[in-house]
Amino acid sequence: MNATVKKELYVAVHGQTARFRIVKYIVIAAIGWAVHSYYGWEGVWWALGVGLVLALAMHFFFRYMTNGWQDDWGLYKSVFKK
């Protein structure tokens, strides 16, 4: 596998704590339920699409600011030993 892909997969698995992931998915489910209540399934799919675009933008922004996940920046602490 390419070294960059390995690094990205490592960050995806180790970049967030289990507690953070649980809370994150509870919040996403609650937002999905609220959107479904007001706008139906079309609104849910629209919100998921917007969320995907925002998540990708945030990912690449953090990747840029941390020099490819090597440096600490803001609340992010590098998962790689220097």
PDB file of N, CA and C in Angstrom:
ATOM      1  N   MET A   1       0.829  -1.180   0.000  1.00  0.00           N
ATOM      2  CA  MET A   1       0.000   0.000   0.000  1.00  0.00           C
ATOM      3  C   MET A   1       0.877   1.249   0.000  1.00  0.00           C
ATOM      4  N   ASN A   2       0.371   2.273  -0.584  1.00  0.00           N
ATOM      5  CA  ASN A   2       1.068   3.549  -0.621  1.00  0.00           C
ATOM      6  C   ASN A   2       1.217   4.101   0.805  1.00  0.00           C
ATOM      7  N   ALA A   3       2.340   4.716   1.108  1.00  0.00           N
ATOM      8  CA  ALA A   3       2.601   5.241   2.454  1.00  0.00           C
ATOM      9  C   ALA A   3       1.583   6.307   2.852  1.00  0.00           C
ATOM     10  N   THR A   4       1.161   7.147   1.917  1.00  0.00           N
ATOM     11  CA  THR A   4       0.174   8.176   2.219  1.00  0.00           C
ATOM     12  C   THR A   4      -1.162   7.556   2.597  1.00  0.00           C
ATOM     13  N   VAL A   5      -1.580   6.520   1.885  1.00  0.00           N
ATOM     14  CA  VAL A   5      -2.838   5.849   2.194  1.00  0.00           C
ATOM     15  C   VAL A   5      -2.756   5.190   3.570  1.00  0.00           C
ATOM     16  N   LYS A   6      -1.622   4.568   3.875  1.00  0.00           N
ATOM     17  CA  LYS A   6      -1.441   3.951   5.192  1.00  0.00           C
ATOM     18  C   LYS A   6      -1.544   4.995   6.295  1.00  0.00           C
ATOM     19  N   LYS A   7      -0.921   6.165   6.086  1.00  0.00           N
ATOM     20  CA  LYS A   7      -0.964   7.232   7.078  1.00  0.00           C
ATOM     21  C   LYS A   7      -2.394   7.732   7.264  1.00  0.00           C
ATOM     22  N   GLU A   8      -3.123   7.923   6.170  1.00  0.00           N
ATOM     23  CA  GLU A   8      -4.509   8.393   6.260  1.00  0.00           C
ATOM     24  C   GLU A   8      -5.386   7.384   6.998  1.00  0.00           C
ATOM     25  N   LEU A   9      -5.206   6.103   6.727  1.00  0.00           N
ATOM     26  CA  LEU A   9      -5.979   5.076   7.421  1.00  0.00           C
ATOM     27  C   LEU A   9      -5.639   5.044   8.905  1.00  0.00           C
ATOM     28  N   TYR A  10      -4.376   5.213   9.244  1.00  0.00           N
ATOM     29  CA  TYR A  10      -3.958   5.240  10.639  1.00  0.00           C
ATOM     30  C   TYR A  10      -4.613   6.407  11.370  1.00  0.00           C
ATOM     31  N   VAL A  11      -4.632   7.584  10.749  1.00  0.00           N
ATOM     32  CA  VAL A  11      -5.256   8.758  11.363  1.00  0.00           C
ATOM     33  C   VAL A  11      -6.760   8.536  11.500  1.00  0.00           C
ATOM     34  N   ALA A  12      -7.384   7.919  10.501  1.00  0.00           N
ATOM     35  CA  ALA A  12      -8.825   7.659  10.570  1.00  0.00           C
ATOM     36  C   ALA A  12      -9.173   6.741  11.731  1.00  0.00           C
ATOM     37  N   VAL A  13      -8.330   5.763  12.008  1.00  0.00           N
ATOM     38  CA  VAL A  13      -8.604   4.804  13.076  1.00  0.00           C
ATOM     39  C   VAL A  13      -8.212   5.360  14.445  1.00  0.00           C
ATOM     40  N   HIS A  14      -7.110   6.078  14.545  1.00  0.00           N
ATOM     41  CA  HIS A  14      -6.575   6.500  15.834  1.00  0.00           C
ATOM     42  C   HIS A  14      -6.761   7.987  16.144  1.00  0.00           C
ATOM     43  N   GLY A  15      -7.351   8.746  15.248  1.00  0.00           N
ATOM     44  CA  GLY A  15      -7.446  10.192  15.421  1.00  0.00           C
ATOM     45  C   GLY A  15      -8.507  10.657  16.403  1.00  0.00           C
ATOM     46  N   GLN A  16      -9.489   9.801  16.732  1.00  0.00           N
ATOM     47  CA  GLN A  16     -10.559  10.180  17.646  1.00  0.00           C
ATOM     48  C   GLN A  16     -10.731   9.089  18.699  1.00  0.00           C
ATOM     49  N   THR A  17     -11.102   9.518  19.895  1.00  0.00           N
ATOM     50  CA  THR A  17     -11.357   8.545  20.947  1.00  0.00           C
ATOM     51  C   THR A  17     -12.710   7.871  20.705  1.00  0.00           C
ATOM     52  N   ALA A  18     -12.906   6.728  21.338  1.00  0.00           N
ATOM     53  CA  ALA A  18     -14.178   6.007  21.192  1.00  0.00           C
ATOM     54  C   ALA A  18     -15.327   6.848  21.742  1.00  0.00           C
ATOM     55  N   ARG A  19     -15.093   7.513  22.850  1.00  0.00           N
ATOM     56  CA  ARG A  19     -16.142   8.353  23.445  1.00  0.00           C
ATOM     57  C   ARG A  19     -16.547   9.467  22.483  1.00  0.00           C
ATOM     58  N   PHE A  20     -15.578  10.115  21.865  1.00  0.00           N
ATOM     59  CA  PHE A  20     -15.869  11.182  20.916  1.00  0.00           C
ATOM     60  C   PHE A  20     -16.696  10.643  19.750  1.00  0.00           C
ATOM     61  N   ARG A  21     -16.309   9.474  19.229  1.00  0.00           N
ATOM     62  CA  ARG A  21     -17.049   8.890  18.103  1.00  0.00           C
ATOM     63  C   ARG A  21     -18.489   8.564  18.475  1.00  0.00           C
ATOM     64  N   ILE A  22     -18.709   8.025  19.679  1.00  0.00           N
ATOM     65  CA  ILE A  22     -20.064   7.690  20.113  1.00  0.00           C
ATOM     66  C   ILE A  22     -20.923   8.949  20.192  1.00  0.00           C
ATOM     67  N   VAL A  23     -20.392   9.983  20.826  1.00  0.00           N
ATOM     68  CA  VAL A  23     -21.135  11.240  20.949  1.00  0.00           C
ATOM     69  C   VAL A  23     -21.378  11.838  19.567  1.00  0.00           C
ATOM     70  N   LYS A  24     -20.383  11.783  18.692  1.00  0.00           N
ATOM     71  CA  LYS A  24     -20.518  12.330  17.339  1.00  0.00           C
ATOM     72  C   LYS A  24     -21.660  11.655  16.594  1.00  0.00           C
ATOM     73  N   TYR A  25     -21.735  10.326  16.647  1.00  0.00           N
ATOM     74  CA  TYR A  25     -22.784   9.627  15.911  1.00  0.00           C
ATOM     75  C   TYR A  25     -24.148   9.809  16.549  1.00  0.00           C
ATOM     76  N   ILE A  26     -24.218   9.996  17.859  1.00  0.00           N
ATOM     77  CA  ILE A  26     -25.495  10.320  18.498  1.00  0.00           C
ATOM     78  C   ILE A  26     -25.990  11.680  18.019  1.00  0.00           C
ATOM     79  N   VAL A  27     -25.085  12.651  17.948  1.00  0.00           N
ATOM     80  CA  VAL A  27     -25.454  13.991  17.475  1.00  0.00           C
ATOM     81  C   VAL A  27     -25.884  13.934  16.009  1.00  0.00           C
ATOM     82  N   ILE A  28     -25.160  13.200  15.176  1.00  0.00           N
ATOM     83  CA  ILE A  28     -25.529  13.083  13.761  1.00  0.00           C
ATOM     84  C   ILE A  28     -26.897  12.428  13.616  1.00  0.00           C
ATOM     85  N   ALA A  29     -27.172  11.381  14.412  1.00  0.00           N
ATOM     86  CA  ALA A  29     -28.478  10.715  14.355  1.00  0.00           C
ATOM     87  C   ALA A  29     -29.593  11.659  14.807  1.00  0.00           C
ATOM     88  N   ALA A  30     -29.349  12.448  15.846  1.00  0.00           N
ATOM     89  CA  ALA A  30     -30.357  13.395  16.325  1.00  0.00           C
ATOM     90  C   ALA A  30     -30.650  14.462  15.276  1.00  0.00           C
ATOM     91  N   ILE A  31     -29.599  14.952  14.639  1.00  0.00           N
ATOM     92  CA  ILE A  31     -29.800  15.944  13.578  1.00  0.00           C
ATOM     93  C   ILE A  31     -30.559  15.311  12.412  1.00  0.00           C
ATOM     94  N   GLY A  32     -30.203  14.072  12.049  1.00  0.00           N
ATOM     95  CA  GLY A  32     -30.915  13.371  10.985  1.00  0.00           C
ATOM     96  C   GLY A  32     -32.383  13.180  11.303  1.00  0.00           C
ATOM     97  N   TRP A  33     -32.698  12.827  12.554  1.00  0.00           N
ATOM     98  CA  TRP A  33     -34.085  12.653  12.971  1.00  0.00           C
ATOM     99  C   TRP A  33     -34.839  13.980  12.878  1.00  0.00           C
ATOM    100  N   ALA A  34     -34.196  15.076  13.346  1.00  0.00           N
ATOM    101  CA  ALA A  34     -34.844  16.390  13.304  1.00  0.00           C
ATOM    102  C   ALA A  34     -35.085  16.841  11.867  1.00  0.00           C
ATOM    103  N   VAL A  35     -34.111  16.641  11.010  1.00  0.00           N
ATOM    104  CA  VAL A  35     -34.270  17.017   9.600  1.00  0.00           C
ATOM    105  C   VAL A  35     -35.374  16.182   8.964  1.00  0.00           C
ATOM    106  N   HIS A  36     -35.413  14.888   9.286  1.00  0.00           N
ATOM    107  CA  HIS A  36     -36.454  14.016   8.732  1.00  0.00           C
ATOM    108  C   HIS A  36     -37.838  14.460   9.200  1.00  0.00           C
ATOM    109  N   SER A  37     -37.931  14.910  10.445  1.00  0.00           N
ATOM    110  CA  SER A  37     -39.215  15.358  10.971  1.00  0.00           C
ATOM    111  C   SER A  37     -39.753  16.572  10.214  1.00  0.00           C
ATOM    112  N   TYR A  38     -38.870  17.453   9.794  1.00  0.00           N
ATOM    113  CA  TYR A  38     -39.303  18.679   9.120  1.00  0.00           C
ATOM    114  C   TYR A  38     -39.327  18.568   7.602  1.00  0.00           C
ATOM    115  N   TYR A  39     -38.365  17.850   7.010  1.00  0.00           N
ATOM    116  CA  TYR A  39     -38.208  17.861   5.558  1.00  0.00           C
ATOM    117  C   TYR A  39     -38.330  16.499   4.898  1.00  0.00           C
ATOM    118  N   GLY A  40     -38.420  15.430   5.665  1.00  0.00           N
ATOM    119  CA  GLY A  40     -38.539  14.095   5.099  1.00  0.00           C
ATOM    120  C   GLY A  40     -37.189  13.566   4.628  1.00  0.00           C
ATOM    121  N   TRP A  41     -37.256  12.456   3.886  1.00  0.00           N
ATOM    122  CA  TRP A  41     -36.024  11.796   3.443  1.00  0.00           C
ATOM    123  C   TRP A  41     -35.213  12.645   2.474  1.00  0.00           C
ATOM    124  N   GLU A  42     -35.877  13.444   1.664  1.00  0.00           N
ATOM    125  CA  GLU A  42     -35.138  14.307   0.737  1.00  0.00           C
ATOM    126  C   GLU A  42     -34.238  15.278   1.510  1.00  0.00           C
ATOM    127  N   GLY A  43     -34.761  15.817   2.604  1.00  0.00           N
ATOM    128  CA  GLY A  43     -33.968  16.711   3.441  1.00  0.00           C
ATOM    129  C   GLY A  43     -32.812  16.000   4.111  1.00  0.00           C
ATOM    130  N   VAL A  44     -33.044  14.744   4.517  1.00  0.00           N
ATOM    131  CA  VAL A  44     -31.969  13.969   5.149  1.00  0.00           C
ATOM    132  C   VAL A  44     -30.843  13.744   4.157  1.00  0.00           C
ATOM    133  N   TRP A  45     -31.162  13.338   2.945  1.00  0.00           N
ATOM    134  CA  TRP A  45     -30.119  13.107   1.936  1.00  0.00           C
ATOM    135  C   TRP A  45     -29.386  14.398   1.596  1.00  0.00           C
ATOM    136  N   TRP A  46     -30.114  15.497   1.528  1.00  0.00           N
ATOM    137  CA  TRP A  46     -29.488  16.788   1.262  1.00  0.00           C
ATOM    138  C   TRP A  46     -28.527  17.147   2.396  1.00  0.00           C
ATOM    139  N   ALA A  47     -28.974  16.955   3.658  1.00  0.00           N
ATOM    140  CA  ALA A  47     -28.132  17.274   4.813  1.00  0.00           C
ATOM    141  C   ALA A  47     -26.893  16.379   4.851  1.00  0.00           C
ATOM    142  N   LEU A  48     -27.052  15.095   4.515  1.00  0.00           N
ATOM    143  CA  LEU A  48     -25.890  14.200   4.477  1.00  0.00           C
ATOM    144  C   LEU A  48     -24.894  14.628   3.397  1.00  0.00           C
ATOM    145  N   GLY A  49     -25.394  15.071   2.259  1.00  0.00           N
ATOM    146  CA  GLY A  49     -24.505  15.562   1.198  1.00  0.00           C
ATOM    147  C   GLY A  49     -23.732  16.799   1.633  1.00  0.00           C
ATOM    148  N   VAL A  50     -24.431  17.734   2.253  1.00  0.00           N
ATOM    149  CA  VAL A  50     -23.768  18.942   2.750  1.00  0.00           C
ATOM    150  C   VAL A  50     -22.754  18.570   3.834  1.00  0.00           C
ATOM    151  N   GLY A  51     -23.137  17.649   4.721  1.00  0.00           N
ATOM    152  CA  GLY A  51     -22.222  17.198   5.773  1.00  0.00           C
ATOM    153  C   GLY A  51     -20.973  16.550   5.212  1.00  0.00           C
ATOM    154  N   LEU A  52     -21.132  15.761   4.146  1.00  0.00           N
ATOM    155  CA  LEU A  52     -19.986  15.124   3.505  1.00  0.00           C
ATOM    156  C   LEU A  52     -19.026  16.159   2.933  1.00  0.00           C
ATOM    157  N   VAL A  53     -19.563  17.160   2.261  1.00  0.00           N
ATOM    158  CA  VAL A  53     -18.713  18.215   1.690  1.00  0.00           C
ATOM    159  C   VAL A  53     -17.977  18.965   2.801  1.00  0.00           C
ATOM    160  N   LEU A  54     -18.697  19.304   3.883  1.00  0.00           N
ATOM    161  CA  LEU A  54     -18.058  20.007   5.001  1.00  0.00           C
ATOM    162  C   LEU A  54     -17.005  19.141   5.687  1.00  0.00           C
ATOM    163  N   ALA A  55     -17.282  17.847   5.847  1.00  0.00           N
ATOM    164  CA  ALA A  55     -16.316  16.940   6.476  1.00  0.00           C
ATOM    165  C   ALA A  55     -15.046  16.820   5.641  1.00  0.00           C
ATOM    166  N   LEU A  56     -15.198  16.708   4.334  1.00  0.00           N
ATOM    167  CA  LEU A  56     -14.016  16.636   3.462  1.00  0.00           C
ATOM    168  C   LEU A  56     -13.215  17.931   3.502  1.00  0.00           C
ATOM    169  N   ALA A  57     -13.918  19.065   3.498  1.00  0.00           N
ATOM    170  CA  ALA A  57     -13.225  20.354   3.582  1.00  0.00           C
ATOM    171  C   ALA A  57     -12.456  20.465   4.898  1.00  0.00           C
ATOM    172  N   MET A  58     -13.081  20.046   6.000  1.00  0.00           N
ATOM    173  CA  MET A  58     -12.411  20.099   7.298  1.00  0.00           C
ATOM    174  C   MET A  58     -11.215  19.155   7.333  1.00  0.00           C
ATOM    175  N   HIS A  59     -11.362  17.966   6.748  1.00  0.00           N
ATOM    176  CA  HIS A  59     -10.267  16.999   6.710  1.00  0.00           C
ATOM    177  C   HIS A  59      -9.044  17.585   6.006  1.00  0.00           C
ATOM    178  N   PHE A  60      -9.260  18.124   4.812  1.00  0.00           N
ATOM    179  CA  PHE A  60      -8.132  18.655   4.052  1.00  0.00           C
ATOM    180  C   PHE A  60      -7.560  19.914   4.691  1.00  0.00           C
ATOM    181  N   PHE A  61      -8.398  20.720   5.357  1.00  0.00           N
ATOM    182  CA  PHE A  61      -7.901  21.896   6.066  1.00  0.00           C
ATOM    183  C   PHE A  61      -6.991  21.473   7.224  1.00  0.00           C
ATOM    184  N   PHE A  62      -7.448  20.508   8.031  1.00  0.00           N
ATOM    185  CA  PHE A  62      -6.624  20.022   9.141  1.00  0.00           C
ATOM    186  C   PHE A  62      -5.360  19.352   8.625  1.00  0.00           C
ATOM    187  N   ARG A  63      -5.474  18.612   7.533  1.00  0.00           N
ATOM    188  CA  ARG A  63      -4.294  17.955   6.967  1.00  0.00           C
ATOM    189  C   ARG A  63      -3.261  18.994   6.539  1.00  0.00           C
ATOM    190  N   TYR A  64      -3.718  20.081   5.932  1.00  0.00           N
ATOM    191  CA  TYR A  64      -2.830  21.164   5.512  1.00  0.00           C
ATOM    192  C   TYR A  64      -2.195  21.856   6.724  1.00  0.00           C
ATOM    193  N   MET A  65      -3.020  22.178   7.730  1.00  0.00           N
ATOM    194  CA  MET A  65      -2.524  22.916   8.895  1.00  0.00           C
ATOM    195  C   MET A  65      -1.588  22.078   9.764  1.00  0.00           C
ATOM    196  N   THR A  66      -1.687  20.755   9.690  1.00  0.00           N
ATOM    197  CA  THR A  66      -0.831  19.890  10.509  1.00  0.00           C
ATOM    198  C   THR A  66       0.330  19.304   9.710  1.00  0.00           C
ATOM    199  N   ASN A  67       0.536  19.820   8.503  1.00  0.00           N
ATOM    200  CA  ASN A  67       1.639  19.352   7.671  1.00  0.00           C
ATOM    201  C   ASN A  67       1.554  17.839   7.456  1.00  0.00           C
ATOM    202  N   GLY A  68       0.417  17.395   6.983  1.00  0.00           N
ATOM    203  CA  GLY A  68       0.230  15.967   6.708  1.00  0.00           C
ATOM    204  C   GLY A  68       0.146  15.134   7.968  1.00  0.00           C
ATOM    205  N   TRP A  69      -0.501  15.674   9.015  1.00  0.00           N
ATOM    206  CA  TRP A  69      -0.723  15.001  10.299  1.00  0.00           C
ATOM    207  C   TRP A  69       0.555  14.886  11.133  1.00  0.00           C
ATOM    208  N   GLN A  70       1.611  15.572  10.782  1.00  0.00           N
ATOM    209  CA  GLN A  70       2.881  15.456  11.510  1.00  0.00           C
ATOM    210  C   GLN A  70       2.991  16.418  12.688  1.00  0.00           C
ATOM    211  N   ASP A  71       2.345  17.582  12.625  1.00  0.00           N
ATOM    212  CA  ASP A  71       2.507  18.614  13.644  1.00  0.00           C
ATOM    213  C   ASP A  71       1.221  18.790  14.447  1.00  0.00           C
ATOM    214  N   ASP A  72       1.369  19.286  15.687  1.00  0.00           N
ATOM    215  CA  ASP A  72       0.213  19.659  16.483  1.00  0.00           C
ATOM    216  C   ASP A  72      -0.350  20.963  15.942  1.00  0.00           C
ATOM    217  N   TRP A  73      -1.676  21.118  16.015  1.00  0.00           N
ATOM    218  CA  TRP A  73      -2.309  22.361  15.607  1.00  0.00           C
ATOM    219  C   TRP A  73      -3.664  22.441  16.297  1.00  0.00           C
ATOM    220  N   GLY A  74      -3.914  23.548  17.005  1.00  0.00           N
ATOM    221  CA  GLY A  74      -5.183  23.705  17.703  1.00  0.00           C
ATOM    222  C   GLY A  74      -5.382  22.578  18.707  1.00  0.00           C
ATOM    223  N   LEU A  75      -6.554  21.944  18.661  1.00  0.00           N
ATOM    224  CA  LEU A  75      -6.841  20.835  19.560  1.00  0.00           C
ATOM    225  C   LEU A  75      -6.259  19.512  19.065  1.00  0.00           C
ATOM    226  N   TYR A  76      -5.783  19.491  17.822  1.00  0.00           N
ATOM    227  CA  TYR A  76      -5.222  18.255  17.273  1.00  0.00           C
ATOM    228  C   TYR A  76      -3.811  18.031  17.803  1.00  0.00           C
ATOM    229  N   LYS A  77      -3.589  16.851  18.331  1.00  0.00           N
ATOM    230  CA  LYS A  77      -2.249  16.444  18.751  1.00  0.00           C
ATOM    231  C   LYS A  77      -1.827  15.309  17.850  1.00  0.00           C
ATOM    232  N   SER A  78      -0.645  15.398  17.290  1.00  0.00           N
ATOM    233  CA  SER A  78      -0.161  14.414  16.334  1.00  0.00           C
ATOM    234  C   SER A  78      -0.178  13.012  16.934  1.00  0.00           C
ATOM    235  N   VAL A  79      -0.664  12.049  16.158  1.00  0.00           N
ATOM    236  CA  VAL A  79      -0.684  10.649  16.596  1.00  0.00           C
ATOM    237  C   VAL A  79       0.590   9.929  16.197  1.00  0.00           C
ATOM    238  N   PHE A  80       1.477  10.639  15.514  1.00  0.00           N
ATOM    239  CA  PHE A  80       2.749  10.037  15.086  1.00  0.00           C
ATOM    240  C   PHE A  80       3.859  10.522  15.999  1.00  0.00           C
ATOM    241  N   LYS A  81       4.737   9.637  16.356  1.00  0.00           N
ATOM    242  CA  LYS A  81       5.888  10.001  17.199  1.00  0.00           C
ATOM    243  C   LYS A  81       6.893  10.744  16.343  1.00  0.00           C
ATOM    244  N   LYS A  82       7.443  11.796  16.907  1.00  0.00           N
ATOM    245  CA  LYS A  82       8.413  12.616  16.174  1.00  0.00           C
ATOM    246  C   LYS A  82       9.810  12.136  16.435  1.00  0.00           C
TER     247      LYS A  82
END
